[in-house]
Protein backbone atom coordinates (compact mmCIF):
# COMPACT_ATOMS: atom_id res chain seq x y z
CA UNK A 1 194.57 -5.45 134.24
CA UNK A 2 193.49 -2.56 132.02
CA UNK A 3 189.75 -3.15 131.45
CA UNK A 4 189.55 -0.80 128.46
CA UNK A 5 192.28 -2.72 126.61
CA UNK A 6 190.78 -6.03 127.79
CA UNK A 7 187.44 -5.16 126.18
CA UNK A 8 189.24 -3.96 123.04
CA UNK A 9 190.86 -7.40 122.79
CA UNK A 10 187.52 -9.06 123.51
CA UNK A 11 185.77 -7.09 120.77
CA UNK A 12 188.56 -7.64 118.27
CA UNK A 13 188.73 -11.37 118.99
CA UNK A 14 184.98 -11.77 118.60
CA UNK A 15 184.92 -9.73 115.39
CA UNK A 16 187.49 -11.97 113.72
CA UNK A 17 185.95 -15.33 114.59
CA UNK A 18 182.25 -14.51 114.25
CA UNK A 19 182.24 -14.60 110.43
CA UNK A 20 180.87 -17.68 108.70
CA UNK A 21 183.55 -20.26 108.06
CA UNK A 22 184.24 -23.98 107.94
CA UNK A 23 185.23 -24.14 111.60
CA UNK A 24 182.17 -22.27 112.84
CA UNK A 25 179.87 -24.30 110.59
CA UNK A 26 181.37 -27.49 112.03
CA UNK A 27 180.87 -26.31 115.62
CA UNK A 28 177.30 -25.30 114.85
CA UNK A 29 176.61 -28.69 113.28
CA UNK A 30 178.01 -30.50 116.31
CA UNK A 31 175.94 -28.33 118.61
CA UNK A 32 172.74 -28.92 116.65
CA UNK A 33 173.36 -32.67 116.83
CA UNK A 34 174.53 -32.50 120.48
CA UNK A 35 177.59 -34.54 119.54
CA UNK A 36 180.97 -34.13 121.34
CA UNK A 37 180.16 -30.46 121.90
CA UNK A 38 182.42 -29.92 124.92
CA UNK A 39 185.48 -31.45 123.25
CA UNK A 40 184.97 -29.50 120.02
CA UNK A 41 184.43 -26.15 121.75
CA UNK A 42 187.36 -26.69 124.11
CA UNK A 43 189.70 -27.74 121.30
CA UNK A 44 188.87 -24.64 119.25
CA UNK A 45 189.10 -22.26 122.21
CA UNK A 46 192.41 -23.66 123.50
CA UNK A 47 193.90 -23.61 120.00
CA UNK A 48 192.90 -19.98 119.59
CA UNK A 49 194.31 -19.13 123.01
CA UNK A 50 197.68 -20.70 122.18
CA UNK A 51 197.91 -18.85 118.86
CA UNK A 52 196.85 -15.52 120.37
CA UNK A 53 199.48 -15.77 123.10
CA UNK A 54 202.08 -16.75 120.51
CA UNK A 55 201.20 -13.77 118.36
CA UNK A 56 201.22 -11.26 121.21
CA UNK A 57 204.52 -12.45 122.67
CA UNK A 58 206.45 -13.19 119.48
CA UNK A 59 205.49 -10.08 117.53
CA UNK A 60 206.35 -7.92 120.52
CA UNK A 61 209.87 -9.32 120.60
CA UNK A 62 210.29 -9.00 116.86
CA UNK A 63 209.15 -5.37 116.97
CA UNK A 64 211.85 -4.61 119.51
CA UNK A 65 214.55 -6.10 117.29
CA UNK A 66 213.18 -4.59 114.07
CA UNK A 67 211.35 -1.30 114.76
CA UNK A 68 210.62 -0.81 111.07
CA UNK A 69 208.43 -3.91 111.11
CA UNK A 70 205.78 -2.28 113.30
CA UNK A 71 204.50 0.27 110.72
CA UNK A 72 204.72 -2.36 107.97
CA UNK A 73 202.56 -4.74 109.98
CA UNK A 74 200.12 -1.97 110.89
CA UNK A 75 199.56 -1.02 107.27
CA UNK A 76 199.41 -4.67 106.26
CA UNK A 77 196.89 -5.40 109.00
CA UNK A 78 194.80 -2.38 108.03
CA UNK A 79 194.80 -3.50 104.38
CA UNK A 80 193.71 -7.00 105.38
CA UNK A 81 190.93 -5.65 107.59
CA UNK A 82 189.72 -3.39 104.79
CA UNK A 83 189.61 -6.40 102.44
CA UNK A 84 187.96 -8.55 105.11
CA UNK A 85 185.30 -5.91 105.64
CA UNK A 86 184.66 -5.62 101.91
CA UNK A 87 184.33 -9.40 101.67
CA UNK A 88 181.84 -9.45 104.53
CA UNK A 89 179.83 -6.62 102.99
CA UNK A 90 179.80 -8.40 99.63
CA UNK A 91 178.53 -11.53 101.37
CA UNK A 92 175.86 -9.49 103.12
CA UNK A 93 174.66 -7.98 99.84
CA UNK A 94 174.95 -10.95 97.49
CA UNK A 95 174.77 -14.15 99.50
CA UNK A 96 171.54 -16.04 100.10
CA UNK A 97 173.26 -18.82 102.03
CA UNK A 98 172.24 -19.94 105.47
CA UNK A 99 173.85 -22.41 107.81
CA UNK A 100 172.02 -25.63 108.51
CA UNK A 101 172.81 -28.79 110.36
CA UNK A 102 174.31 -31.38 108.05
CA UNK A 103 172.66 -34.75 108.22
CA UNK A 104 175.23 -37.49 108.59
CA UNK A 105 176.00 -40.61 110.57
CA UNK A 106 177.34 -40.14 114.06
CA UNK A 107 181.12 -39.80 114.04
CA UNK A 108 183.38 -41.20 116.74
CA UNK A 109 185.02 -38.94 119.29
CA UNK A 110 188.43 -39.43 117.66
CA UNK A 111 187.12 -38.64 114.18
CA UNK A 112 185.27 -35.59 115.40
CA UNK A 113 188.27 -34.21 117.29
CA UNK A 114 190.61 -34.86 114.36
CA UNK A 115 188.29 -33.01 112.00
CA UNK A 116 187.98 -30.13 114.43
CA UNK A 117 191.77 -29.77 114.83
CA UNK A 118 192.31 -30.00 111.08
CA UNK A 119 189.79 -27.22 110.44
CA UNK A 120 191.60 -25.12 113.03
CA UNK A 121 195.33 -25.75 112.49
CA UNK A 122 195.29 -26.28 108.72
CA UNK A 123 193.42 -23.05 108.03
CA UNK A 124 195.85 -20.24 107.08
CA UNK A 125 193.30 -17.59 108.07
CA UNK A 126 193.54 -18.77 111.68
CA UNK A 127 197.22 -17.83 111.79
CA UNK A 128 196.60 -14.55 110.01
CA UNK A 129 193.82 -13.59 112.40
CA UNK A 130 195.42 -14.67 115.67
CA UNK A 131 199.21 -14.60 115.32
CA UNK A 132 199.65 -11.79 112.79
CA UNK A 133 196.65 -9.51 113.13
CA UNK A 134 195.96 -9.71 116.87
CA UNK A 135 199.69 -9.75 117.56
CA UNK A 136 200.14 -6.59 115.50
CA UNK A 137 197.24 -4.75 117.13
CA UNK A 138 198.57 -5.67 120.59
CA UNK A 139 201.74 -3.64 119.89
CA UNK A 140 199.60 -0.52 120.18
CA UNK A 141 199.40 -1.20 123.93
CA UNK A 142 203.00 -1.41 125.22
CA UNK A 143 203.09 -2.96 128.66
CA UNK A 144 199.41 -3.91 128.42
CA UNK A 145 199.56 -6.73 125.87
CA UNK A 146 198.51 -9.23 128.54
CA UNK A 147 195.19 -7.39 128.99
CA UNK A 148 194.62 -7.38 125.23
CA UNK A 149 195.48 -11.07 124.91
CA UNK A 150 193.23 -11.97 127.87
CA UNK A 151 190.34 -10.16 126.21
CA UNK A 152 190.90 -11.87 122.87
CA UNK A 153 191.16 -15.29 124.53
CA UNK A 154 187.97 -14.61 126.49
CA UNK A 155 186.26 -13.74 123.22
CA UNK A 156 187.27 -17.07 121.72
CA UNK A 157 185.95 -19.06 124.68
CA UNK A 158 182.71 -17.07 124.79
CA UNK A 159 182.04 -17.44 121.09
CA UNK A 160 182.90 -21.11 120.63
CA UNK A 161 180.98 -22.29 123.70
CA UNK A 162 178.03 -20.01 122.93
CA UNK A 163 177.92 -21.31 119.37
CA UNK A 164 178.25 -24.95 120.40
CA UNK A 165 175.79 -24.96 123.28
CA UNK A 166 173.50 -22.25 121.93
CA UNK A 167 173.08 -23.99 118.58
CA UNK A 168 169.56 -25.20 119.34
CA UNK A 169 168.47 -21.65 120.15
CA UNK A 170 170.35 -20.22 117.16
CA UNK A 171 168.97 -22.66 114.61
CA UNK A 172 165.64 -20.92 113.89
CA UNK A 173 167.39 -17.55 113.74
CA UNK A 174 170.29 -18.39 111.44
CA UNK A 175 168.27 -20.64 109.19
CA UNK A 176 167.23 -17.31 107.64
CA UNK A 177 169.66 -15.74 105.13
CA UNK A 178 168.63 -12.26 106.34
CA UNK A 179 170.13 -12.98 109.78
CA UNK A 180 173.51 -13.84 108.26
CA UNK A 181 173.37 -10.72 106.09
CA UNK A 182 172.86 -8.56 109.16
CA UNK A 183 175.73 -10.30 110.93
CA UNK A 184 178.08 -9.90 107.96
CA UNK A 185 177.21 -6.20 107.72
CA UNK A 186 178.11 -5.73 111.38
CA UNK A 187 181.40 -7.59 110.86
CA UNK A 188 182.23 -5.38 107.85
CA UNK A 189 181.64 -2.19 109.84
CA UNK A 190 183.76 -3.46 112.72
CA UNK A 191 186.64 -4.42 110.43
CA UNK A 192 186.72 -0.99 108.75
CA UNK A 193 186.62 0.87 112.06
CA UNK A 194 189.56 -1.14 113.39
CA UNK A 195 191.48 -0.69 110.13
CA UNK A 196 191.04 3.08 110.43
CA UNK A 197 192.24 3.02 114.03
CA UNK A 198 195.30 0.98 113.05
CA UNK A 199 196.36 3.56 110.47
CA UNK A 200 195.49 6.39 112.83
CA UNK A 201 197.79 4.88 115.43
CA UNK A 202 200.82 5.43 113.20
């Protein structure tokens, strides 16, 4: 395994899923309430892993059949990352929102899992981030896509389980809007750096 490419995949995977979203808010809420945390974290991590592997393997095969698709996907991915970074920076500058645990009645295991899977598999951004974007970036490492995918999958497991089980520790920190603004600024910078590298790899 190429450790440099592994850590690139790890960093990229973490950068894409760390932004505030419905799925992360749901995981945080479950963690704060200590309710079906293992099932929720595992469902999200395994779903991400399946989509990452699909993206890395399928886009690699498509690129071999249609070489012209590689530069198109690189430019498209760079454009998306630039937009994503701008969106994160806008959120950092303008948003005063903060995540908080939602008060609600305890949901059953089946209801909780169904909600978790819906937030994951019915979200178009999940496919864009994992299948398209990570799959496209992995083509920069011919013969080493497995290392990149392993890093990205590791990032998903680390983030989801850290968010779910670290929710109690995170609550006083991310109850402050300033903490989310700092996080969004970091995400924006990361997205722009990767977008530049994508174009530079042409």
